[in-house]
Amino acid sequence: MGGIRKAFHLRAAHKNPAGGLSEAGRRAYNRATGSNLKPGVRGAADTPEKMRRKGSFLTRMFSDPVGGALKNGKPTRRALSAAAWGEPVPKTTGGMLALAAKGRRMLARYKAMKNG
């Protein structure tokens, strides 16, 4: 782990139009950077690992809503990424912040499970 990662440039084939990366995009990113990206957790986060991953994603992606949820009336790629994780696509800054709060609650539940 650690070290410097190579630059990775997204191509159209790497993007899923519904949000997030396509399978080919994850493979290309993992190959280029040595990472281990996995598909988003869809549905209920019913295991500790799913809770940790989904909570971390929601908190990281939506805590700072700079750039907004919509651009020219269409959802931004960041807003669409929520759909790739089984969440509703936020339409407002408040919707983005609500997803971030949901992520923090998931992480708190994960930590409580892990410690107790």
C-alpha atoms as a PDB file:
ATOM      1  CA  MET A   1       0.000   0.000   0.000  1.00  0.00           C
ATOM      2  CA  GLY A   2       0.996   3.612  -0.257  1.00  0.00           C
ATOM      3  CA  GLY A   3       3.325   4.965  -2.859  1.00  0.00           C
ATOM      4  CA  ILE A   4       2.641   7.218  -5.781  1.00  0.00           C
ATOM      5  CA  ARG A   5      -0.152   6.246  -8.140  1.00  0.00           C
ATOM      6  CA  LYS A   6      -0.063   6.750 -11.888  1.00  0.00           C
ATOM      7  CA  ALA A   7      -2.417   9.209 -13.535  1.00  0.00           C
ATOM      8  CA  PHE A   8      -5.609   7.681 -14.846  1.00  0.00           C
ATOM      9  CA  HIS A   9      -7.704   9.323 -17.549  1.00  0.00           C
ATOM     10  CA  LEU A  10     -11.360   8.337 -17.873  1.00  0.00           C
ATOM     11  CA  ARG A  11     -12.585   7.536 -21.350  1.00  0.00           C
ATOM     12  CA  ALA A  12     -16.228   7.461 -22.376  1.00  0.00           C
ATOM     13  CA  ALA A  13     -16.162   3.632 -22.313  1.00  0.00           C
ATOM     14  CA  HIS A  14     -15.091   3.758 -18.653  1.00  0.00           C
ATOM     15  CA  LYS A  15     -18.159   5.734 -17.581  1.00  0.00           C
ATOM     16  CA  ASN A  16     -21.515   4.189 -16.864  1.00  0.00           C
ATOM     17  CA  PRO A  17     -24.180   6.587 -18.209  1.00  0.00           C
ATOM     18  CA  ALA A  18     -26.351   5.798 -15.174  1.00  0.00           C
ATOM     19  CA  GLY A  19     -23.551   6.904 -12.829  1.00  0.00           C
ATOM     20  CA  GLY A  20     -20.232   5.584 -11.597  1.00  0.00           C
ATOM     21  CA  LEU A  21     -17.689   3.556 -13.518  1.00  0.00           C
ATOM     22  CA  SER A  22     -18.433   0.664 -15.815  1.00  0.00           C
ATOM     23  CA  GLU A  23     -16.858  -2.741 -15.207  1.00  0.00           C
ATOM     24  CA  ALA A  24     -14.297  -1.895 -17.914  1.00  0.00           C
ATOM     25  CA  GLY A  25     -13.608   1.411 -16.144  1.00  0.00           C
ATOM     26  CA  ARG A  26     -12.960  -0.317 -12.807  1.00  0.00           C
ATOM     27  CA  ARG A  27     -10.656  -2.843 -14.484  1.00  0.00           C
ATOM     28  CA  ALA A  28      -8.712  -0.100 -16.286  1.00  0.00           C
ATOM     29  CA  TYR A  29      -8.407   1.982 -13.096  1.00  0.00           C
ATOM     30  CA  ASN A  30      -7.256  -1.022 -11.053  1.00  0.00           C
ATOM     31  CA  ARG A  31      -4.703  -1.981 -13.699  1.00  0.00           C
ATOM     32  CA  ALA A  32      -3.359   1.580 -13.994  1.00  0.00           C
ATOM     33  CA  THR A  33      -3.147   2.357 -10.280  1.00  0.00           C
ATOM     34  CA  GLY A  34      -2.832  -0.998  -8.518  1.00  0.00           C
ATOM     35  CA  SER A  35      -6.101  -0.328  -6.689  1.00  0.00           C
ATOM     36  CA  ASN A  36      -8.920  -2.751  -5.940  1.00  0.00           C
ATOM     37  CA  LEU A  37     -12.076  -0.804  -6.840  1.00  0.00           C
ATOM     38  CA  LYS A  38     -15.265  -2.805  -6.446  1.00  0.00           C
ATOM     39  CA  PRO A  39     -18.790  -2.089  -7.687  1.00  0.00           C
ATOM     40  CA  GLY A  40     -20.982   0.055  -5.450  1.00  0.00           C
ATOM     41  CA  VAL A  41     -23.052  -1.551  -2.693  1.00  0.00           C
ATOM     42  CA  ARG A  42     -26.609  -1.610  -4.009  1.00  0.00           C
ATOM     43  CA  GLY A  43     -29.524  -2.195  -1.699  1.00  0.00           C
ATOM     44  CA  ALA A  44     -29.363  -2.578   2.049  1.00  0.00           C
ATOM     45  CA  ALA A  45     -25.995  -2.330   3.758  1.00  0.00           C
ATOM     46  CA  ASP A  46     -26.727  -5.395   5.876  1.00  0.00           C
ATOM     47  CA  THR A  47     -23.187  -6.568   6.628  1.00  0.00           C
ATOM     48  CA  PRO A  48     -20.415  -4.667   8.401  1.00  0.00           C
ATOM     49  CA  GLU A  49     -18.286  -4.475   5.227  1.00  0.00           C
ATOM     50  CA  LYS A  50     -21.207  -3.121   3.163  1.00  0.00           C
ATOM     51  CA  MET A  51     -22.000  -0.597   5.906  1.00  0.00           C
ATOM     52  CA  ARG A  52     -18.402   0.601   6.025  1.00  0.00           C
ATOM     53  CA  ARG A  53     -18.050   0.877   2.230  1.00  0.00           C
ATOM     54  CA  LYS A  54     -21.397   2.552   1.554  1.00  0.00           C
ATOM     55  CA  GLY A  55     -21.126   4.866   4.577  1.00  0.00           C
ATOM     56  CA  SER A  56     -17.630   5.913   3.567  1.00  0.00           C
ATOM     57  CA  PHE A  57     -18.695   6.544  -0.039  1.00  0.00           C
ATOM     58  CA  LEU A  58     -21.753   8.624   0.878  1.00  0.00           C
ATOM     59  CA  THR A  59     -19.831  10.682   3.436  1.00  0.00           C
ATOM     60  CA  ARG A  60     -16.881  11.296   1.110  1.00  0.00           C
ATOM     61  CA  MET A  61     -18.893  12.130  -2.010  1.00  0.00           C
ATOM     62  CA  PHE A  62     -21.677  14.265  -0.589  1.00  0.00           C
ATOM     63  CA  SER A  63     -20.318  16.084   2.506  1.00  0.00           C
ATOM     64  CA  ASP A  64     -18.984  18.928   0.356  1.00  0.00           C
ATOM     65  CA  PRO A  65     -21.712  19.762  -2.183  1.00  0.00           C
ATOM     66  CA  VAL A  66     -19.561  22.179  -4.225  1.00  0.00           C
ATOM     67  CA  GLY A  67     -20.490  21.720  -7.865  1.00  0.00           C
ATOM     68  CA  GLY A  68     -24.082  20.971  -6.959  1.00  0.00           C
ATOM     69  CA  ALA A  69     -26.473  18.201  -7.841  1.00  0.00           C
ATOM     70  CA  LEU A  70     -27.674  19.664 -11.135  1.00  0.00           C
ATOM     71  CA  LYS A  71     -25.977  21.366 -14.058  1.00  0.00           C
ATOM     72  CA  ASN A  72     -28.177  22.871 -16.767  1.00  0.00           C
ATOM     73  CA  GLY A  73     -31.123  20.998 -15.230  1.00  0.00           C
ATOM     74  CA  LYS A  74     -29.419  17.589 -15.522  1.00  0.00           C
ATOM     75  CA  PRO A  75     -27.847  15.582 -12.677  1.00  0.00           C
ATOM     76  CA  THR A  76     -24.065  15.880 -12.421  1.00  0.00           C
ATOM     77  CA  ARG A  77     -21.915  12.735 -12.630  1.00  0.00           C
ATOM     78  CA  ARG A  78     -21.360  13.039  -8.885  1.00  0.00           C
ATOM     79  CA  ALA A  79     -25.127  13.072  -8.265  1.00  0.00           C
ATOM     80  CA  LEU A  80     -25.568  10.119 -10.636  1.00  0.00           C
ATOM     81  CA  SER A  81     -22.960   8.151  -8.690  1.00  0.00           C
ATOM     82  CA  ALA A  82     -25.537   7.863  -5.886  1.00  0.00           C
ATOM     83  CA  ALA A  83     -27.664   5.731  -8.242  1.00  0.00           C
ATOM     84  CA  ALA A  84     -24.713   3.384  -8.786  1.00  0.00           C
ATOM     85  CA  TRP A  85     -24.814   2.753  -5.029  1.00  0.00           C
ATOM     86  CA  GLY A  86     -28.569   2.203  -4.901  1.00  0.00           C
ATOM     87  CA  GLU A  87     -29.476   5.626  -3.526  1.00  0.00           C
ATOM     88  CA  PRO A  88     -31.827   8.229  -4.990  1.00  0.00           C
ATOM     89  CA  VAL A  89     -30.158  10.813  -7.227  1.00  0.00           C
ATOM     90  CA  PRO A  90     -30.079  14.090  -5.229  1.00  0.00           C
ATOM     91  CA  LYS A  91     -31.698  17.068  -6.932  1.00  0.00           C
ATOM     92  CA  THR A  92     -30.588  19.759  -4.470  1.00  0.00           C
ATOM     93  CA  THR A  93     -27.682  20.637  -2.216  1.00  0.00           C
ATOM     94  CA  GLY A  94     -29.886  19.600   0.704  1.00  0.00           C
ATOM     95  CA  GLY A  95     -30.347  16.182  -0.893  1.00  0.00           C
ATOM     96  CA  MET A  96     -26.584  15.786  -1.170  1.00  0.00           C
ATOM     97  CA  LEU A  97     -26.118  16.744   2.477  1.00  0.00           C
ATOM     98  CA  ALA A  98     -28.855  14.284   3.495  1.00  0.00           C
ATOM     99  CA  LEU A  99     -26.935  11.478   1.759  1.00  0.00           C
ATOM    100  CA  ALA A 100     -23.768  12.532   3.597  1.00  0.00           C
ATOM    101  CA  ALA A 101     -25.667  12.396   6.924  1.00  0.00           C
ATOM    102  CA  LYS A 102     -26.970   8.930   6.031  1.00  0.00           C
ATOM    103  CA  GLY A 103     -23.376   7.849   5.359  1.00  0.00           C
ATOM    104  CA  ARG A 104     -22.228   9.161   8.752  1.00  0.00           C
ATOM    105  CA  ARG A 105     -25.068   7.237  10.467  1.00  0.00           C
ATOM    106  CA  MET A 106     -23.993   4.059   8.634  1.00  0.00           C
ATOM    107  CA  LEU A 107     -20.394   4.524   9.739  1.00  0.00           C
ATOM    108  CA  ALA A 108     -21.520   5.087  13.343  1.00  0.00           C
ATOM    109  CA  ARG A 109     -23.567   1.852  13.208  1.00  0.00           C
ATOM    110  CA  TYR A 110     -20.573   0.022  11.725  1.00  0.00           C
ATOM    111  CA  LYS A 111     -18.278   1.275  14.494  1.00  0.00           C
ATOM    112  CA  ALA A 112     -20.827   0.298  17.165  1.00  0.00           C
ATOM    113  CA  MET A 113     -21.070  -3.224  15.665  1.00  0.00           C
ATOM    114  CA  LYS A 114     -17.308  -3.543  15.447  1.00  0.00           C
ATOM    115  CA  ASN A 115     -16.699  -2.397  19.029  1.00  0.00           C
ATOM    116  CA  GLY A 116     -19.514  -4.073  20.719  1.00  0.00           C
END
